PDB file of all heavy atoms in Angstrom:
ATOM      1  N   GLY A   1      75.012 185.379  72.288  1.00  0.00           N
ATOM      2  CA  GLY A   1      76.148 184.764  72.930  1.00  0.00           C
ATOM      3  C   GLY A   1      75.832 184.160  74.315  1.00  0.00           C
ATOM      4  O   GLY A   1      76.402 184.596  75.329  1.00  0.00           O
ATOM      5  N   PHE A   2      74.870 183.234  74.374  1.00  0.00           N
ATOM      6  CA  PHE A   2      74.564 182.531  75.612  1.00  0.00           C
ATOM      7  C   PHE A   2      74.164 181.134  75.259  1.00  0.00           C
ATOM      8  O   PHE A   2      74.095 180.774  74.055  1.00  0.00           O
ATOM      9  CB  PHE A   2      73.524 183.266  76.445  1.00  0.00           C
ATOM     10  CG  PHE A   2      72.182 183.372  75.814  1.00  0.00           C
ATOM     11  CD1 PHE A   2      71.225 182.440  76.053  1.00  0.00           C
ATOM     12  CD2 PHE A   2      71.874 184.376  74.968  1.00  0.00           C
ATOM     13  CE1 PHE A   2      69.981 182.523  75.461  1.00  0.00           C
ATOM     14  CE2 PHE A   2      70.652 184.532  74.349  1.00  0.00           C
ATOM     15  CZ  PHE A   2      69.632 183.560  74.625  1.00  0.00           C
ATOM     16  N   TYR A   3      73.833 180.282  76.233  1.00  0.00           N
ATOM     17  CA  TYR A   3      73.536 178.867  76.015  1.00  0.00           C
ATOM     18  C   TYR A   3      72.022 178.663  75.686  1.00  0.00           C
ATOM     19  O   TYR A   3      71.188 178.709  76.543  1.00  0.00           O
ATOM     20  CB  TYR A   3      73.935 178.018  77.183  1.00  0.00           C
ATOM     21  CG  TYR A   3      75.439 177.872  77.242  1.00  0.00           C
ATOM     22  CD1 TYR A   3      76.102 178.478  78.331  1.00  0.00           C
ATOM     23  CD2 TYR A   3      76.143 177.219  76.296  1.00  0.00           C
ATOM     24  CE1 TYR A   3      77.509 178.375  78.429  1.00  0.00           C
ATOM     25  CE2 TYR A   3      77.519 177.104  76.370  1.00  0.00           C
ATOM     26  CZ  TYR A   3      78.194 177.705  77.441  1.00  0.00           C
ATOM     27  OH  TYR A   3      79.545 177.604  77.501  1.00  0.00           O
ATOM     28  N   HIS A   4      71.773 178.477  74.417  1.00  0.00           N
ATOM     29  CA  HIS A   4      70.412 178.037  74.013  1.00  0.00           C
ATOM     30  C   HIS A   4      70.249 176.561  74.394  1.00  0.00           C
ATOM     31  O   HIS A   4      71.206 175.788  74.559  1.00  0.00           O
ATOM     32  CB  HIS A   4      70.257 178.161  72.499  1.00  0.00           C
ATOM     33  CG  HIS A   4      70.254 179.579  72.043  1.00  0.00           C
ATOM     34  ND1 HIS A   4      69.118 180.395  72.045  1.00  0.00           N
ATOM     35  CD2 HIS A   4      71.248 180.338  71.542  1.00  0.00           C
ATOM     36  CE1 HIS A   4      69.403 181.541  71.562  1.00  0.00           C
ATOM     37  NE2 HIS A   4      70.674 181.561  71.267  1.00  0.00           N
ATOM     38  N   ALA A   5      69.004 176.095  74.526  1.00  0.00           N
ATOM     39  CA  ALA A   5      68.708 174.768  74.992  1.00  0.00           C
ATOM     40  C   ALA A   5      67.608 174.103  74.189  1.00  0.00           C
ATOM     41  O   ALA A   5      66.581 174.711  73.871  1.00  0.00           O
ATOM     42  CB  ALA A   5      68.258 174.762  76.468  1.00  0.00           C
ATOM     43  N   ILE A   6      67.852 172.867  73.833  1.00  0.00           N
ATOM     44  CA  ILE A   6      66.803 171.961  73.306  1.00  0.00           C
ATOM     45  C   ILE A   6      66.752 170.727  74.158  1.00  0.00           C
ATOM     46  O   ILE A   6      67.690 169.982  74.249  1.00  0.00           O
ATOM     47  CB  ILE A   6      67.078 171.560  71.875  1.00  0.00           C
ATOM     48  CG1 ILE A   6      67.145 172.767  70.930  1.00  0.00           C
ATOM     49  CG2 ILE A   6      65.991 170.592  71.345  1.00  0.00           C
ATOM     50  CD1 ILE A   6      67.408 172.463  69.449  1.00  0.00           C
ATOM     51  N   PRO A   7      65.660 170.504  74.895  1.00  0.00           N
ATOM     52  CA  PRO A   7      65.504 169.253  75.636  1.00  0.00           C
ATOM     53  C   PRO A   7      65.156 168.104  74.597  1.00  0.00           C
ATOM     54  O   PRO A   7      64.369 168.259  73.740  1.00  0.00           O
ATOM     55  CB  PRO A   7      64.360 169.431  76.599  1.00  0.00           C
ATOM     56  CG  PRO A   7      64.075 170.962  76.513  1.00  0.00           C
ATOM     57  CD  PRO A   7      64.512 171.372  75.144  1.00  0.00           C
ATOM     58  N   ALA A   8      65.804 166.929  74.812  1.00  0.00           N
ATOM     59  CA  ALA A   8      65.567 165.788  73.905  1.00  0.00           C
ATOM     60  C   ALA A   8      65.958 164.498  74.636  1.00  0.00           C
ATOM     61  O   ALA A   8      66.959 164.508  75.325  1.00  0.00           O
ATOM     62  CB  ALA A   8      66.354 165.954  72.588  1.00  0.00           C
ATOM     63  N   ASP A   9      65.266 163.450  74.346  1.00  0.00           N
ATOM     64  CA  ASP A   9      65.646 162.125  74.875  1.00  0.00           C
ATOM     65  C   ASP A   9      66.690 161.501  73.915  1.00  0.00           C
ATOM     66  O   ASP A   9      66.331 160.848  72.910  1.00  0.00           O
ATOM     67  CB  ASP A   9      64.417 161.197  74.924  1.00  0.00           C
ATOM     68  CG  ASP A   9      64.725 159.858  75.490  1.00  0.00           C
ATOM     69  OD1 ASP A   9      65.898 159.617  75.909  1.00  0.00           O
ATOM     70  OD2 ASP A   9      63.789 158.978  75.497  1.00  0.00           O
ATOM     71  N   LEU A  10      67.942 161.782  74.193  1.00  0.00           N
ATOM     72  CA  LEU A  10      69.043 161.344  73.355  1.00  0.00           C
ATOM     73  C   LEU A  10      69.476 159.906  73.688  1.00  0.00           C
ATOM     74  O   LEU A  10      70.173 159.219  72.920  1.00  0.00           O
ATOM     75  CB  LEU A  10      70.249 162.229  73.501  1.00  0.00           C
ATOM     76  CG  LEU A  10      70.086 163.671  73.150  1.00  0.00           C
ATOM     77  CD1 LEU A  10      71.363 164.460  73.276  1.00  0.00           C
ATOM     78  CD2 LEU A  10      69.486 163.862  71.765  1.00  0.00           C
ATOM     79  N   CYS A  11      69.173 159.435  74.930  1.00  0.00           N
ATOM     80  CA  CYS A  11      69.623 158.121  75.376  1.00  0.00           C
ATOM     81  C   CYS A  11      68.520 157.073  75.371  1.00  0.00           C
ATOM     82  O   CYS A  11      68.823 155.912  75.754  1.00  0.00           O
ATOM     83  CB  CYS A  11      70.171 158.292  76.781  1.00  0.00           C
ATOM     84  SG  CYS A  11      71.566 159.471  76.867  1.00  0.00           S
ATOM     85  N   GLY A  12      67.329 157.414  75.008  1.00  0.00           N
ATOM     86  CA  GLY A  12      66.307 156.400  74.766  1.00  0.00           C
ATOM     87  C   GLY A  12      65.701 155.860  76.048  1.00  0.00           C
ATOM     88  O   GLY A  12      65.061 154.774  76.044  1.00  0.00           O
ATOM     89  N   ASP A  13      65.908 156.499  77.226  1.00  0.00           N
ATOM     90  CA  ASP A  13      65.348 155.935  78.500  1.00  0.00           C
ATOM     91  C   ASP A  13      64.155 156.775  78.943  1.00  0.00           C
ATOM     92  O   ASP A  13      63.741 156.686  80.121  1.00  0.00           O
ATOM     93  CB  ASP A  13      66.414 155.886  79.575  1.00  0.00           C
ATOM     94  CG  ASP A  13      67.026 157.240  79.880  1.00  0.00           C
ATOM     95  OD1 ASP A  13      66.527 158.286  79.359  1.00  0.00           O
ATOM     96  OD2 ASP A  13      67.989 157.299  80.682  1.00  0.00           O
ATOM     97  N   ARG A  14      63.553 157.587  78.047  1.00  0.00           N
ATOM     98  CA  ARG A  14      62.378 158.395  78.284  1.00  0.00           C
ATOM     99  C   ARG A  14      62.620 159.618  79.153  1.00  0.00           C
ATOM    100  O   ARG A  14      61.725 160.425  79.300  1.00  0.00           O
ATOM    101  CB  ARG A  14      61.214 157.507  78.818  1.00  0.00           C
ATOM    102  CG  ARG A  14      60.723 156.515  77.890  1.00  0.00           C
ATOM    103  CD  ARG A  14      59.623 155.612  78.453  1.00  0.00           C
ATOM    104  NE  ARG A  14      58.420 156.408  78.898  1.00  0.00           N
ATOM    105  CZ  ARG A  14      57.472 156.856  78.098  1.00  0.00           C
ATOM    106  NH1 ARG A  14      57.604 156.651  76.780  1.00  0.00           N
ATOM    107  NH2 ARG A  14      56.441 157.507  78.525  1.00  0.00           N
ATOM    108  N   ARG A  15      63.846 159.758  79.688  1.00  0.00           N
ATOM    109  CA  ARG A  15      64.187 160.965  80.379  1.00  0.00           C
ATOM    110  C   ARG A  15      64.822 161.896  79.368  1.00  0.00           C
ATOM    111  O   ARG A  15      65.527 161.458  78.460  1.00  0.00           O
ATOM    112  CB  ARG A  15      65.154 160.673  81.461  1.00  0.00           C
ATOM    113  CG  ARG A  15      64.589 159.728  82.573  1.00  0.00           C
ATOM    114  CD  ARG A  15      65.643 159.539  83.655  1.00  0.00           C
ATOM    115  NE  ARG A  15      66.875 159.009  83.134  1.00  0.00           N
ATOM    116  CZ  ARG A  15      67.967 158.827  83.916  1.00  0.00           C
ATOM    117  NH1 ARG A  15      67.946 159.124  85.141  1.00  0.00           N
ATOM    118  NH2 ARG A  15      69.085 158.338  83.349  1.00  0.00           N
ATOM    119  N   GLU A  16      64.563 163.208  79.515  1.00  0.00           N
ATOM    120  CA  GLU A  16      65.135 164.150  78.562  1.00  0.00           C
ATOM    121  C   GLU A  16      66.504 164.578  78.959  1.00  0.00           C
ATOM    122  O   GLU A  16      66.773 164.870  80.150  1.00  0.00           O
ATOM    123  CB  GLU A  16      64.217 165.373  78.448  1.00  0.00           C
ATOM    124  CG  GLU A  16      62.945 165.067  77.647  1.00  0.00           C
ATOM    125  CD  GLU A  16      62.138 166.375  77.377  1.00  0.00           C
ATOM    126  OE1 GLU A  16      62.246 167.296  78.137  1.00  0.00           O
ATOM    127  OE2 GLU A  16      61.411 166.396  76.363  1.00  0.00           O
ATOM    128  N   GLU A  17      67.406 164.650  77.984  1.00  0.00           N
ATOM    129  CA  GLU A  17      68.724 165.226  78.138  1.00  0.00           C
ATOM    130  C   GLU A  17      68.625 166.736  77.713  1.00  0.00           C
ATOM    131  O   GLU A  17      67.568 167.171  77.211  1.00  0.00           O
ATOM    132  CB  GLU A  17      69.758 164.593  77.274  1.00  0.00           C
ATOM    133  CG  GLU A  17      70.303 163.284  77.884  1.00  0.00           C
ATOM    134  CD  GLU A  17      69.287 162.157  78.007  1.00  0.00           C
ATOM    135  OE1 GLU A  17      68.575 161.881  76.962  1.00  0.00           O
ATOM    136  OE2 GLU A  17      69.142 161.538  79.052  1.00  0.00           O
ATOM    137  N   LEU A  18      69.723 167.461  77.865  1.00  0.00           N
ATOM    138  CA  LEU A  18      69.771 168.833  77.477  1.00  0.00           C
ATOM    139  C   LEU A  18      70.887 169.005  76.453  1.00  0.00           C
ATOM    140  O   LEU A  18      72.019 168.583  76.635  1.00  0.00           O
ATOM    141  CB  LEU A  18      70.069 169.790  78.677  1.00  0.00           C
ATOM    142  CG  LEU A  18      68.877 170.287  79.393  1.00  0.00           C
ATOM    143  CD1 LEU A  18      69.380 171.015  80.699  1.00  0.00           C
ATOM    144  CD2 LEU A  18      68.057 171.272  78.609  1.00  0.00           C
ATOM    145  N   VAL A  19      70.543 169.638  75.293  1.00  0.00           N
ATOM    146  CA  VAL A  19      71.485 170.054  74.277  1.00  0.00           C
ATOM    147  C   VAL A  19      71.729 171.509  74.467  1.00  0.00           C
ATOM    148  O   VAL A  19      70.747 172.354  74.284  1.00  0.00           O
ATOM    149  CB  VAL A  19      70.999 169.700  72.891  1.00  0.00           C
ATOM    150  CG1 VAL A  19      72.037 170.149  71.836  1.00  0.00           C
ATOM    151  CG2 VAL A  19      70.617 168.204  72.755  1.00  0.00           C
ATOM    152  N   LEU A  20      72.904 171.950  74.779  1.00  0.00           N
ATOM    153  CA  LEU A  20      73.193 173.364  75.073  1.00  0.00           C
ATOM    154  C   LEU A  20      74.354 173.827  74.157  1.00  0.00           C
ATOM    155  O   LEU A  20      75.336 173.114  73.871  1.00  0.00           O
ATOM    156  CB  LEU A  20      73.647 173.577  76.496  1.00  0.00           C
ATOM    157  CG  LEU A  20      72.727 173.094  77.622  1.00  0.00           C
ATOM    158  CD1 LEU A  20      73.347 173.388  78.924  1.00  0.00           C
ATOM    159  CD2 LEU A  20      71.389 173.741  77.495  1.00  0.00           C
ATOM    160  N   TRP A  21      74.207 175.088  73.645  1.00  0.00           N
ATOM    161  CA  TRP A  21      75.282 175.663  72.809  1.00  0.00           C
ATOM    162  C   TRP A  21      75.223 177.173  72.865  1.00  0.00           C
ATOM    163  O   TRP A  21      74.211 177.769  73.101  1.00  0.00           O
ATOM    164  CB  TRP A  21      75.157 175.169  71.371  1.00  0.00           C
ATOM    165  CG  TRP A  21      74.003 175.744  70.593  1.00  0.00           C
ATOM    166  CD1 TRP A  21      74.037 176.856  69.759  1.00  0.00           C
ATOM    167  CD2 TRP A  21      72.645 175.364  70.661  1.00  0.00           C
ATOM    168  NE1 TRP A  21      72.759 177.109  69.315  1.00  0.00           N
ATOM    169  CE2 TRP A  21      71.870 176.168  69.838  1.00  0.00           C
ATOM    170  CE3 TRP A  21      71.913 174.328  71.334  1.00  0.00           C
ATOM    171  CZ2 TRP A  21      70.493 176.108  69.645  1.00  0.00           C
ATOM    172  CZ3 TRP A  21      70.587 174.208  71.150  1.00  0.00           C
ATOM    173  CH2 TRP A  21      69.896 175.044  70.313  1.00  0.00           C
ATOM    174  N   ASP A  22      76.391 177.759  72.713  1.00  0.00           N
ATOM    175  CA  ASP A  22      76.596 179.212  72.532  1.00  0.00           C
ATOM    176  C   ASP A  22      76.881 179.400  71.078  1.00  0.00           C
ATOM    177  O   ASP A  22      77.928 178.899  70.588  1.00  0.00           O
ATOM    178  CB  ASP A  22      77.711 179.666  73.483  1.00  0.00           C
ATOM    179  CG  ASP A  22      78.140 181.092  73.291  1.00  0.00           C
ATOM    180  OD1 ASP A  22      77.668 181.737  72.284  1.00  0.00           O
ATOM    181  OD2 ASP A  22      78.901 181.604  74.095  1.00  0.00           O
ATOM    182  N   PRO A  23      76.083 180.109  70.306  1.00  0.00           N
ATOM    183  CA  PRO A  23      76.303 180.281  68.849  1.00  0.00           C
ATOM    184  C   PRO A  23      77.583 180.992  68.491  1.00  0.00           C
ATOM    185  O   PRO A  23      77.921 181.038  67.341  1.00  0.00           O
ATOM    186  CB  PRO A  23      75.112 181.061  68.354  1.00  0.00           C
ATOM    187  CG  PRO A  23      74.040 180.814  69.414  1.00  0.00           C
ATOM    188  CD  PRO A  23      74.758 180.718  70.711  1.00  0.00           C
ATOM    189  N   THR A  24      78.258 181.568  69.516  1.00  0.00           N
ATOM    190  CA  THR A  24      79.501 182.223  69.241  1.00  0.00           C
ATOM    191  C   THR A  24      80.746 181.348  69.578  1.00  0.00           C
ATOM    192  O   THR A  24      81.840 181.896  69.618  1.00  0.00           O
ATOM    193  CB  THR A  24      79.579 183.596  69.991  1.00  0.00           C
ATOM    194  OG1 THR A  24      79.735 183.304  71.399  1.00  0.00           O
ATOM    195  CG2 THR A  24      78.384 184.432  69.816  1.00  0.00           C
ATOM    196  N   ALA A  25      80.440 180.116  69.963  1.00  0.00           N
ATOM    197  CA  ALA A  25      81.576 179.219  70.399  1.00  0.00           C
ATOM    198  C   ALA A  25      81.692 177.973  69.599  1.00  0.00           C
ATOM    199  O   ALA A  25      81.052 177.853  68.533  1.00  0.00           O
ATOM    200  CB  ALA A  25      81.346 178.899  71.885  1.00  0.00           C
ATOM    201  N   ARG A  26      82.510 176.987  70.045  1.00  0.00           N
ATOM    202  CA  ARG A  26      82.897 175.893  69.270  1.00  0.00           C
ATOM    203  C   ARG A  26      82.481 174.529  69.790  1.00  0.00           C
ATOM    204  O   ARG A  26      82.921 173.487  69.287  1.00  0.00           O
ATOM    205  CB  ARG A  26      84.398 175.894  69.078  1.00  0.00           C
ATOM    206  CG  ARG A  26      84.970 177.100  68.321  1.00  0.00           C
ATOM    207  CD  ARG A  26      86.488 177.021  68.222  1.00  0.00           C
ATOM    208  NE  ARG A  26      87.102 177.135  69.548  1.00  0.00           N
ATOM    209  CZ  ARG A  26      88.308 176.731  69.860  1.00  0.00           C
ATOM    210  NH1 ARG A  26      89.010 176.158  68.930  1.00  0.00           N
ATOM    211  NH2 ARG A  26      88.839 176.838  71.068  1.00  0.00           N
ATOM    212  N   PHE A  27      81.630 174.545  70.868  1.00  0.00           N
ATOM    213  CA  PHE A  27      81.287 173.260  71.476  1.00  0.00           C
ATOM    214  C   PHE A  27      79.792 173.172  71.662  1.00  0.00           C
ATOM    215  O   PHE A  27      79.084 174.200  71.850  1.00  0.00           O
ATOM    216  CB  PHE A  27      82.001 173.136  72.847  1.00  0.00           C
ATOM    217  CG  PHE A  27      83.518 173.081  72.770  1.00  0.00           C
ATOM    218  CD1 PHE A  27      84.279 174.228  72.874  1.00  0.00           C
ATOM    219  CD2 PHE A  27      84.130 171.871  72.511  1.00  0.00           C
ATOM    220  CE1 PHE A  27      85.634 174.174  72.772  1.00  0.00           C
ATOM    221  CE2 PHE A  27      85.495 171.825  72.387  1.00  0.00           C
ATOM    222  CZ  PHE A  27      86.252 172.952  72.543  1.00  0.00           C
ATOM    223  N   VAL A  28      79.345 171.900  71.743  1.00  0.00           N
ATOM    224  CA  VAL A  28      77.929 171.575  72.119  1.00  0.00           C
ATOM    225  C   VAL A  28      78.028 170.738  73.343  1.00  0.00           C
ATOM    226  O   VAL A  28      78.807 169.753  73.409  1.00  0.00           O
ATOM    227  CB  VAL A  28      77.202 170.804  70.971  1.00  0.00           C
ATOM    228  CG1 VAL A  28      75.783 170.492  71.415  1.00  0.00           C
ATOM    229  CG2 VAL A  28      77.294 171.586  69.697  1.00  0.00           C
ATOM    230  N   PHE A  29      77.266 171.097  74.388  1.00  0.00           N
ATOM    231  CA  PHE A  29      77.290 170.335  75.631  1.00  0.00           C
ATOM    232  C   PHE A  29      76.037 169.573  75.771  1.00  0.00           C
ATOM    233  O   PHE A  29      74.888 170.110  75.636  1.00  0.00           O
ATOM    234  CB  PHE A  29      77.403 171.390  76.805  1.00  0.00           C
ATOM    235  CG  PHE A  29      78.690 172.079  76.893  1.00  0.00           C
ATOM    236  CD1 PHE A  29      78.939 173.226  76.081  1.00  0.00           C
ATOM    237  CD2 PHE A  29      79.729 171.639  77.675  1.00  0.00           C
ATOM    238  CE1 PHE A  29      80.132 173.833  76.116  1.00  0.00           C
ATOM    239  CE2 PHE A  29      80.957 172.314  77.718  1.00  0.00           C
ATOM    240  CZ  PHE A  29      81.166 173.467  76.952  1.00  0.00           C
ATOM    241  N   LEU A  30      76.175 168.277  76.097  1.00  0.00           N
ATOM    242  CA  LEU A  30      75.052 167.413  76.267  1.00  0.00           C
ATOM    243  C   LEU A  30      75.024 166.950  77.745  1.00  0.00           C
ATOM    244  O   LEU A  30      76.052 166.394  78.230  1.00  0.00           O
ATOM    245  CB  LEU A  30      75.138 166.175  75.409  1.00  0.00           C
ATOM    246  CG  LEU A  30      75.371 166.368  73.922  1.00  0.00           C
ATOM    247  CD1 LEU A  30      75.479 165.075  73.153  1.00  0.00           C
ATOM    248  CD2 LEU A  30      74.374 167.324  73.272  1.00  0.00           C
ATOM    249  N   TYR A  31      73.905 167.195  78.455  1.00  0.00           N
ATOM    250  CA  TYR A  31      73.761 166.807  79.852  1.00  0.00           C
ATOM    251  C   TYR A  31      72.651 165.744  80.015  1.00  0.00           C
ATOM    252  O   TYR A  31      71.621 165.808  79.362  1.00  0.00           O
ATOM    253  CB  TYR A  31      73.421 168.062  80.685  1.00  0.00           C
ATOM    254  CG  TYR A  31      74.630 168.909  80.968  1.00  0.00           C
ATOM    255  CD1 TYR A  31      74.956 169.931  80.104  1.00  0.00           C
ATOM    256  CD2 TYR A  31      75.410 168.717  82.110  1.00  0.00           C
ATOM    257  CE1 TYR A  31      76.067 170.713  80.353  1.00  0.00           C
ATOM    258  CE2 TYR A  31      76.504 169.485  82.361  1.00  0.00           C
ATOM    259  CZ  TYR A  31      76.857 170.508  81.460  1.00  0.00           C
ATOM    260  OH  TYR A  31      77.980 171.302  81.691  1.00  0.00           O
TER     261      TYR A  31
END
């Protein structure tokens, strides 16, 4: 029950974003 993280370039500008989620919750946060 905490925020796992996968860094990934979701916006295509070569900078990595963060995909965060708590497996016990209902939302995914993208930073």
